[in-house]
PDB file of N, CA and C in Angstrom:
ATOM      1  N   UNK A   1       2.917  21.224  41.697  1.00  0.00           N
ATOM      2  CA  UNK A   1       2.103  20.162  41.127  1.00  0.00           C
ATOM      3  C   UNK A   1       2.300  20.111  39.626  1.00  0.00           C
ATOM      4  N   UNK A   2       2.241  18.900  39.113  1.00  0.00           N
ATOM      5  CA  UNK A   2       2.340  18.701  37.674  1.00  0.00           C
ATOM      6  C   UNK A   2       0.958  18.652  37.057  1.00  0.00           C
ATOM      7  N   UNK A   3       0.843  19.244  35.895  1.00  0.00           N
ATOM      8  CA  UNK A   3      -0.420  19.188  35.163  1.00  0.00           C
ATOM      9  C   UNK A   3      -0.326  18.053  34.155  1.00  0.00           C
ATOM     10  N   UNK A   4      -1.276  17.124  34.220  1.00  0.00           N
ATOM     11  CA  UNK A   4      -1.293  15.973  33.336  1.00  0.00           C
ATOM     12  C   UNK A   4      -2.282  16.241  32.211  1.00  0.00           C
ATOM     13  N   UNK A   5      -1.873  15.949  31.012  1.00  0.00           N
ATOM     14  CA  UNK A   5      -2.730  16.163  29.849  1.00  0.00           C
ATOM     15  C   UNK A   5      -3.940  15.244  29.910  1.00  0.00           C
ATOM     16  N   UNK A   6      -5.070  15.744  29.474  1.00  0.00           N
ATOM     17  CA  UNK A   6      -6.293  14.937  29.494  1.00  0.00           C
ATOM     18  C   UNK A   6      -6.365  13.979  28.312  1.00  0.00           C
ATOM     19  N   UNK A   7      -5.540  14.220  27.296  1.00  0.00           N
ATOM     20  CA  UNK A   7      -5.530  13.328  26.138  1.00  0.00           C
ATOM     21  C   UNK A   7      -4.495  12.245  26.403  1.00  0.00           C
ATOM     22  N   UNK A   8      -4.972  11.034  26.608  1.00  0.00           N
ATOM     23  CA  UNK A   8      -4.083   9.928  26.932  1.00  0.00           C
ATOM     24  C   UNK A   8      -3.684   9.181  25.661  1.00  0.00           C
ATOM     25  N   UNK A   9      -2.415   8.874  25.562  1.00  0.00           N
ATOM     26  CA  UNK A   9      -1.871   8.048  24.489  1.00  0.00           C
ATOM     27  C   UNK A   9      -2.031   8.642  23.086  1.00  0.00           C
ATOM     28  N   UNK A  10      -2.132   9.938  22.968  1.00  0.00           N
ATOM     29  CA  UNK A  10      -2.204  10.551  21.644  1.00  0.00           C
ATOM     30  C   UNK A  10      -0.834  11.128  21.319  1.00  0.00           C
ATOM     31  N   UNK A  11      -0.051  10.351  20.588  1.00  0.00           N
ATOM     32  CA  UNK A  11       1.292  10.772  20.239  1.00  0.00           C
ATOM     33  C   UNK A  11       1.258  11.624  18.987  1.00  0.00           C
ATOM     34  N   UNK A  12       0.578  11.132  17.956  1.00  0.00           N
ATOM     35  CA  UNK A  12       0.455  11.874  16.707  1.00  0.00           C
ATOM     36  C   UNK A  12      -1.020  12.144  16.430  1.00  0.00           C
ATOM     37  N   UNK A  13      -1.330  13.327  15.959  1.00  0.00           N
ATOM     38  CA  UNK A  13      -2.738  13.614  15.641  1.00  0.00           C
ATOM     39  C   UNK A  13      -3.146  12.982  14.303  1.00  0.00           C
ATOM     40  N   UNK A  14      -3.549  11.710  14.340  1.00  0.00           N
ATOM     41  CA  UNK A  14      -3.946  10.986  13.137  1.00  0.00           C
ATOM     42  C   UNK A  14      -5.449  10.798  13.168  1.00  0.00           C
ATOM     43  N   UNK A  15      -6.094  11.237  12.091  1.00  0.00           N
ATOM     44  CA  UNK A  15      -7.539  11.077  12.003  1.00  0.00           C
ATOM     45  C   UNK A  15      -7.903   9.719  11.432  1.00  0.00           C
ATOM     46  N   UNK A  16      -9.173   9.375  11.531  1.00  0.00           N
ATOM     47  CA  UNK A  16      -9.620   8.079  11.030  1.00  0.00           C
ATOM     48  C   UNK A  16      -9.558   8.033   9.508  1.00  0.00           C
ATOM     49  N   UNK A  17      -9.721   9.182   8.847  1.00  0.00           N
ATOM     50  CA  UNK A  17      -9.612   9.216   7.393  1.00  0.00           C
ATOM     51  C   UNK A  17      -8.214   8.880   6.919  1.00  0.00           C
ATOM     52  N   UNK A  18      -7.212   9.360   7.642  1.00  0.00           N
ATOM     53  CA  UNK A  18      -5.830   9.054   7.281  1.00  0.00           C
ATOM     54  C   UNK A  18      -5.518   7.579   7.468  1.00  0.00           C
ATOM     55  N   UNK A  19      -6.076   6.979   8.490  1.00  0.00           N
ATOM     56  CA  UNK A  19      -5.859   5.555   8.725  1.00  0.00           C
ATOM     57  C   UNK A  19      -6.489   4.736   7.608  1.00  0.00           C
ATOM     58  N   UNK A  20      -7.681   5.113   7.175  1.00  0.00           N
ATOM     59  CA  UNK A  20      -8.353   4.400   6.084  1.00  0.00           C
ATOM     60  C   UNK A  20      -7.554   4.528   4.797  1.00  0.00           C
ATOM     61  N   UNK A  21      -7.077   5.728   4.490  1.00  0.00           N
ATOM     62  CA  UNK A  21      -6.268   5.942   3.291  1.00  0.00           C
ATOM     63  C   UNK A  21      -4.983   5.119   3.373  1.00  0.00           C
ATOM     64  N   UNK A  22      -4.346   5.088   4.530  1.00  0.00           N
ATOM     65  CA  UNK A  22      -3.136   4.295   4.726  1.00  0.00           C
ATOM     66  C   UNK A  22      -3.402   2.819   4.473  1.00  0.00           C
ATOM     67  N   UNK A  23      -4.491   2.279   5.014  1.00  0.00           N
ATOM     68  CA  UNK A  23      -4.806   0.866   4.829  1.00  0.00           C
ATOM     69  C   UNK A  23      -5.115   0.544   3.372  1.00  0.00           C
ATOM     70  N   UNK A  24      -5.836   1.450   2.690  1.00  0.00           N
ATOM     71  CA  UNK A  24      -6.136   1.236   1.268  1.00  0.00           C
ATOM     72  C   UNK A  24      -4.841   1.226   0.459  1.00  0.00           C
ATOM     73  N   UNK A  25      -3.944   2.184   0.710  1.00  0.00           N
ATOM     74  CA  UNK A  25      -2.670   2.223  -0.001  1.00  0.00           C
ATOM     75  C   UNK A  25      -1.805   1.001   0.316  1.00  0.00           C
ATOM     76  N   UNK A  26      -1.857   0.530   1.537  1.00  0.00           N
ATOM     77  CA  UNK A  26      -1.118  -0.670   1.923  1.00  0.00           C
ATOM     78  C   UNK A  26      -1.629  -1.891   1.161  1.00  0.00           C
ATOM     79  N   UNK A  27      -2.940  -2.034   1.054  1.00  0.00           N
ATOM     80  CA  UNK A  27      -3.528  -3.155   0.319  1.00  0.00           C
ATOM     81  C   UNK A  27      -3.168  -3.065  -1.159  1.00  0.00           C
ATOM     82  N   UNK A  28      -3.243  -1.874  -1.746  1.00  0.00           N
ATOM     83  CA  UNK A  28      -2.873  -1.692  -3.146  1.00  0.00           C
ATOM     84  C   UNK A  28      -1.402  -2.046  -3.355  1.00  0.00           C
ATOM     85  N   UNK A  29      -0.538  -1.648  -2.451  1.00  0.00           N
ATOM     86  CA  UNK A  29       0.880  -1.974  -2.550  1.00  0.00           C
ATOM     87  C   UNK A  29       1.130  -3.468  -2.506  1.00  0.00           C
ATOM     88  N   UNK A  30       0.452  -4.177  -1.640  1.00  0.00           N
ATOM     89  CA  UNK A  30       0.614  -5.631  -1.550  1.00  0.00           C
ATOM     90  C   UNK A  30       0.140  -6.291  -2.846  1.00  0.00           C
ATOM     91  N   UNK A  31      -0.982  -5.826  -3.399  1.00  0.00           N
ATOM     92  CA  UNK A  31      -1.488  -6.378  -4.655  1.00  0.00           C
ATOM     93  C   UNK A  31      -0.496  -6.142  -5.783  1.00  0.00           C
ATOM     94  N   UNK A  32       0.078  -4.948  -5.856  1.00  0.00           N
ATOM     95  CA  UNK A  32       1.058  -4.643  -6.903  1.00  0.00           C
ATOM     96  C   UNK A  32       2.285  -5.537  -6.772  1.00  0.00           C
ATOM     97  N   UNK A  33       2.755  -5.750  -5.568  1.00  0.00           N
ATOM     98  CA  UNK A  33       3.924  -6.618  -5.355  1.00  0.00           C
ATOM     99  C   UNK A  33       3.615  -8.050  -5.779  1.00  0.00           C
ATOM    100  N   UNK A  34       2.427  -8.545  -5.462  1.00  0.00           N
ATOM    101  CA  UNK A  34       2.044  -9.906  -5.860  1.00  0.00           C
ATOM    102  C   UNK A  34       1.953 -10.010  -7.379  1.00  0.00           C
ATOM    103  N   UNK A  35       1.379  -8.986  -8.040  1.00  0.00           N
ATOM    104  CA  UNK A  35       1.286  -9.009  -9.500  1.00  0.00           C
ATOM    105  C   UNK A  35       2.657  -8.951 -10.153  1.00  0.00           C
ATOM    106  N   UNK A  36       3.561  -8.146  -9.613  1.00  0.00           N
ATOM    107  CA  UNK A  36       4.914  -8.083 -10.163  1.00  0.00           C
ATOM    108  C   UNK A  36       5.637  -9.416 -10.009  1.00  0.00           C
ATOM    109  N   UNK A  37       5.428 -10.064  -8.884  1.00  0.00           N
ATOM    110  CA  UNK A  37       6.046 -11.367  -8.672  1.00  0.00           C
ATOM    111  C   UNK A  37       5.512 -12.379  -9.680  1.00  0.00           C
ATOM    112  N   UNK A  38       4.221 -12.337  -9.977  1.00  0.00           N
ATOM    113  CA  UNK A  38       3.638 -13.251 -10.958  1.00  0.00           C
ATOM    114  C   UNK A  38       4.179 -12.967 -12.354  1.00  0.00           C
ATOM    115  N   UNK A  39       4.328 -11.691 -12.704  1.00  0.00           N
ATOM    116  CA  UNK A  39       4.850 -11.335 -14.027  1.00  0.00           C
ATOM    117  C   UNK A  39       6.300 -11.783 -14.149  1.00  0.00           C
ATOM    118  N   UNK A  40       7.090 -11.581 -13.123  1.00  0.00           N
ATOM    119  CA  UNK A  40       8.492 -11.999 -13.153  1.00  0.00           C
ATOM    120  C   UNK A  40       8.591 -13.521 -13.258  1.00  0.00           C
ATOM    121  N   UNK A  41       7.683 -14.211 -12.585  1.00  0.00           N
ATOM    122  CA  UNK A  41       7.684 -15.674 -12.628  1.00  0.00           C
ATOM    123  C   UNK A  41       7.375 -16.184 -14.032  1.00  0.00           C
ATOM    124  N   UNK A  42       6.553 -15.457 -14.796  1.00  0.00           N
ATOM    125  CA  UNK A  42       6.116 -15.918 -16.116  1.00  0.00           C
ATOM    126  C   UNK A  42       6.823 -15.212 -17.267  1.00  0.00           C
ATOM    127  N   UNK A  43       8.009 -14.652 -17.046  1.00  0.00           N
ATOM    128  CA  UNK A  43       8.715 -13.976 -18.133  1.00  0.00           C
ATOM    129  C   UNK A  43       9.110 -14.972 -19.226  1.00  0.00           C
ATOM    130  N   UNK A  44       9.678 -16.102 -18.872  1.00  0.00           N
ATOM    131  CA  UNK A  44      10.105 -17.084 -19.867  1.00  0.00           C
ATOM    132  C   UNK A  44       8.931 -17.625 -20.687  1.00  0.00           C
ATOM    133  N   UNK A  45       7.810 -18.020 -20.067  1.00  0.00           N
ATOM    134  CA  UNK A  45       6.674 -18.456 -20.894  1.00  0.00           C
ATOM    135  C   UNK A  45       6.102 -17.342 -21.781  1.00  0.00           C
ATOM    136  N   UNK A  46       6.116 -16.103 -21.281  1.00  0.00           N
ATOM    137  CA  UNK A  46       5.629 -14.988 -22.093  1.00  0.00           C
ATOM    138  C   UNK A  46       6.520 -14.792 -23.305  1.00  0.00           C
ATOM    139  N   UNK A  47       7.825 -14.849 -23.108  1.00  0.00           N
ATOM    140  CA  UNK A  47       8.759 -14.693 -24.228  1.00  0.00           C
ATOM    141  C   UNK A  47       8.559 -15.827 -25.234  1.00  0.00           C
ATOM    142  N   UNK A  48       8.389 -17.049 -24.751  1.00  0.00           N
ATOM    143  CA  UNK A  48       8.172 -18.180 -25.655  1.00  0.00           C
ATOM    144  C   UNK A  48       6.889 -17.997 -26.456  1.00  0.00           C
ATOM    145  N   UNK A  49       5.837 -17.529 -25.802  1.00  0.00           N
ATOM    146  CA  UNK A  49       4.574 -17.320 -26.499  1.00  0.00           C
ATOM    147  C   UNK A  49       4.692 -16.211 -27.542  1.00  0.00           C
ATOM    148  N   UNK A  50       5.409 -15.148 -27.222  1.00  0.00           N
ATOM    149  CA  UNK A  50       5.586 -14.046 -28.177  1.00  0.00           C
ATOM    150  C   UNK A  50       6.399 -14.520 -29.383  1.00  0.00           C
ATOM    151  N   UNK A  51       7.438 -15.300 -29.156  1.00  0.00           N
ATOM    152  CA  UNK A  51       8.258 -15.800 -30.268  1.00  0.00           C
ATOM    153  C   UNK A  51       7.429 -16.717 -31.161  1.00  0.00           C
ATOM    154  N   UNK A  52       6.659 -17.617 -30.561  1.00  0.00           N
ATOM    155  CA  UNK A  52       5.818 -18.518 -31.354  1.00  0.00           C
ATOM    156  C   UNK A  52       4.774 -17.716 -32.123  1.00  0.00           C
ATOM    157  N   UNK A  53       4.162 -16.744 -31.486  1.00  0.00           N
ATOM    158  CA  UNK A  53       3.168 -15.923 -32.188  1.00  0.00           C
ATOM    159  C   UNK A  53       3.804 -15.128 -33.326  1.00  0.00           C
ATOM    160  N   UNK A  54       5.020 -14.627 -33.124  1.00  0.00           N
ATOM    161  CA  UNK A  54       5.704 -13.850 -34.159  1.00  0.00           C
ATOM    162  C   UNK A  54       5.979 -14.704 -35.391  1.00  0.00           C
ATOM    163  N   UNK A  55       6.391 -15.951 -35.192  1.00  0.00           N
ATOM    164  CA  UNK A  55       6.715 -16.807 -36.332  1.00  0.00           C
ATOM    165  C   UNK A  55       5.494 -17.496 -36.926  1.00  0.00           C
ATOM    166  N   UNK A  56       4.532 -17.879 -36.103  1.00  0.00           N
ATOM    167  CA  UNK A  56       3.391 -18.665 -36.589  1.00  0.00           C
ATOM    168  C   UNK A  56       2.135 -17.820 -36.832  1.00  0.00           C
ATOM    169  N   UNK A  57       2.038 -16.661 -36.223  1.00  0.00           N
ATOM    170  CA  UNK A  57       0.860 -15.784 -36.312  1.00  0.00           C
ATOM    171  C   UNK A  57      -0.417 -16.517 -35.889  1.00  0.00           C
ATOM    172  N   UNK A  58      -0.291 -17.314 -34.844  1.00  0.00           N
ATOM    173  CA  UNK A  58      -1.435 -18.060 -34.328  1.00  0.00           C
ATOM    174  C   UNK A  58      -1.480 -17.912 -32.812  1.00  0.00           C
ATOM    175  N   UNK A  59      -2.604 -17.416 -32.321  1.00  0.00           N
ATOM    176  CA  UNK A  59      -2.758 -17.283 -30.873  1.00  0.00           C
ATOM    177  C   UNK A  59      -2.931 -18.645 -30.201  1.00  0.00           C
ATOM    178  N   UNK A  60      -3.458 -19.605 -30.939  1.00  0.00           N
ATOM    179  CA  UNK A  60      -3.609 -20.954 -30.371  1.00  0.00           C
ATOM    180  C   UNK A  60      -2.242 -21.560 -30.074  1.00  0.00           C
ATOM    181  N   UNK A  61      -1.342 -21.512 -31.058  1.00  0.00           N
ATOM    182  CA  UNK A  61       0.002 -22.045 -30.843  1.00  0.00           C
ATOM    183  C   UNK A  61       0.748 -21.261 -29.755  1.00  0.00           C
ATOM    184  N   UNK A  62       0.546 -19.945 -29.726  1.00  0.00           N
ATOM    185  CA  UNK A  62       1.194 -19.134 -28.699  1.00  0.00           C
ATOM    186  C   UNK A  62       0.690 -19.508 -27.309  1.00  0.00           C
ATOM    187  N   UNK A  63      -0.610 -19.746 -27.201  1.00  0.00           N
ATOM    188  CA  UNK A  63      -1.178 -20.164 -25.909  1.00  0.00           C
ATOM    189  C   UNK A  63      -0.670 -21.522 -25.476  1.00  0.00           C
ATOM    190  N   UNK A  64      -0.569 -22.445 -26.430  1.00  0.00           N
ATOM    191  CA  UNK A  64      -0.040 -23.781 -26.115  1.00  0.00           C
ATOM    192  C   UNK A  64       1.417 -23.682 -25.686  1.00  0.00           C
ATOM    193  N   UNK A  65       2.189 -22.857 -26.410  1.00  0.00           N
ATOM    194  CA  UNK A  65       3.604 -22.683 -26.038  1.00  0.00           C
ATOM    195  C   UNK A  65       3.720 -22.085 -24.641  1.00  0.00           C
ATOM    196  N   UNK A  66       2.881 -21.120 -24.327  1.00  0.00           N
ATOM    197  CA  UNK A  66       2.894 -20.516 -22.987  1.00  0.00           C
ATOM    198  C   UNK A  66       2.615 -21.575 -21.924  1.00  0.00           C
ATOM    199  N   UNK A  67       1.562 -22.367 -22.143  1.00  0.00           N
ATOM    200  CA  UNK A  67       1.206 -23.381 -21.146  1.00  0.00           C
ATOM    201  C   UNK A  67       2.287 -24.434 -20.987  1.00  0.00           C
ATOM    202  N   UNK A  68       2.864 -24.891 -22.097  1.00  0.00           N
ATOM    203  CA  UNK A  68       3.892 -25.926 -22.019  1.00  0.00           C
ATOM    204  C   UNK A  68       5.125 -25.410 -21.280  1.00  0.00           C
ATOM    205  N   UNK A  69       5.580 -24.219 -21.644  1.00  0.00           N
ATOM    206  CA  UNK A  69       6.775 -23.678 -20.983  1.00  0.00           C
ATOM    207  C   UNK A  69       6.487 -23.383 -19.516  1.00  0.00           C
ATOM    208  N   UNK A  70       5.295 -22.888 -19.204  1.00  0.00           N
ATOM    209  CA  UNK A  70       4.942 -22.612 -17.804  1.00  0.00           C
ATOM    210  C   UNK A  70       4.894 -23.906 -16.991  1.00  0.00           C
ATOM    211  N   UNK A  71       4.327 -24.961 -17.564  1.00  0.00           N
ATOM    212  CA  UNK A  71       4.286 -26.238 -16.849  1.00  0.00           C
ATOM    213  C   UNK A  71       5.681 -26.813 -16.638  1.00  0.00           C
ATOM    214  N   UNK A  72       6.518 -26.743 -17.676  1.00  0.00           N
ATOM    215  CA  UNK A  72       7.892 -27.229 -17.530  1.00  0.00           C
ATOM    216  C   UNK A  72       8.628 -26.422 -16.461  1.00  0.00           C
ATOM    217  N   UNK A  73       8.433 -25.122 -16.474  1.00  0.00           N
ATOM    218  CA  UNK A  73       9.092 -24.268 -15.483  1.00  0.00           C
ATOM    219  C   UNK A  73       8.624 -24.615 -14.071  1.00  0.00           C
ATOM    220  N   UNK A  74       7.331 -24.867 -13.898  1.00  0.00           N
ATOM    221  CA  UNK A  74       6.821 -25.223 -12.571  1.00  0.00           C
ATOM    222  C   UNK A  74       7.369 -26.580 -12.123  1.00  0.00           C
ATOM    223  N   UNK A  75       7.451 -27.548 -13.049  1.00  0.00           N
ATOM    224  CA  UNK A  75       7.970 -28.862 -12.687  1.00  0.00           C
ATOM    225  C   UNK A  75       9.448 -28.801 -12.320  1.00  0.00           C
ATOM    226  N   UNK A  76      10.217 -27.981 -13.036  1.00  0.00           N
ATOM    227  CA  UNK A  76      11.640 -27.849 -12.735  1.00  0.00           C
ATOM    228  C   UNK A  76      11.839 -27.179 -11.377  1.00  0.00           C
ATOM    229  N   UNK A  77      11.036 -26.179 -11.084  1.00  0.00           N
ATOM    230  CA  UNK A  77      11.180 -25.482  -9.787  1.00  0.00           C
ATOM    231  C   UNK A  77      10.759 -26.362  -8.624  1.00  0.00           C
ATOM    232  N   UNK A  78       9.787 -27.241  -8.845  1.00  0.00           N
ATOM    233  CA  UNK A  78       9.370 -28.137  -7.746  1.00  0.00           C
ATOM    234  C   UNK A  78      10.407 -29.212  -7.477  1.00  0.00           C
ATOM    235  N   UNK A  79      11.196 -29.548  -8.512  1.00  0.00           N
ATOM    236  CA  UNK A  79      12.217 -30.570  -8.365  1.00  0.00           C
ATOM    237  C   UNK A  79      13.425 -30.110  -7.602  1.00  0.00           C
ATOM    238  N   UNK A  80      13.599 -28.824  -7.431  1.00  0.00           N
ATOM    239  CA  UNK A  80      14.771 -28.295  -6.716  1.00  0.00           C
ATOM    240  C   UNK A  80      14.718 -28.568  -5.254  1.00  0.00           C
TER     241      UNK A  80
END
């Protein structure tokens, strides 16, 4: 006769705490990837704003330059 284990479908001994930690780390990883994608998307407007701020020493002009370049970049990407 074969002896069948009483624990059904337990392949790996994973506790509920490990599952919670895994899910939290997974969510943090997704957030980091989304933030990196946003930063990469806005590299050109950030550079434009830094250059304008360096020459003009005005955060208002730097903000306007950021918005203008970001809008132009979005319009160009939508046209593709």
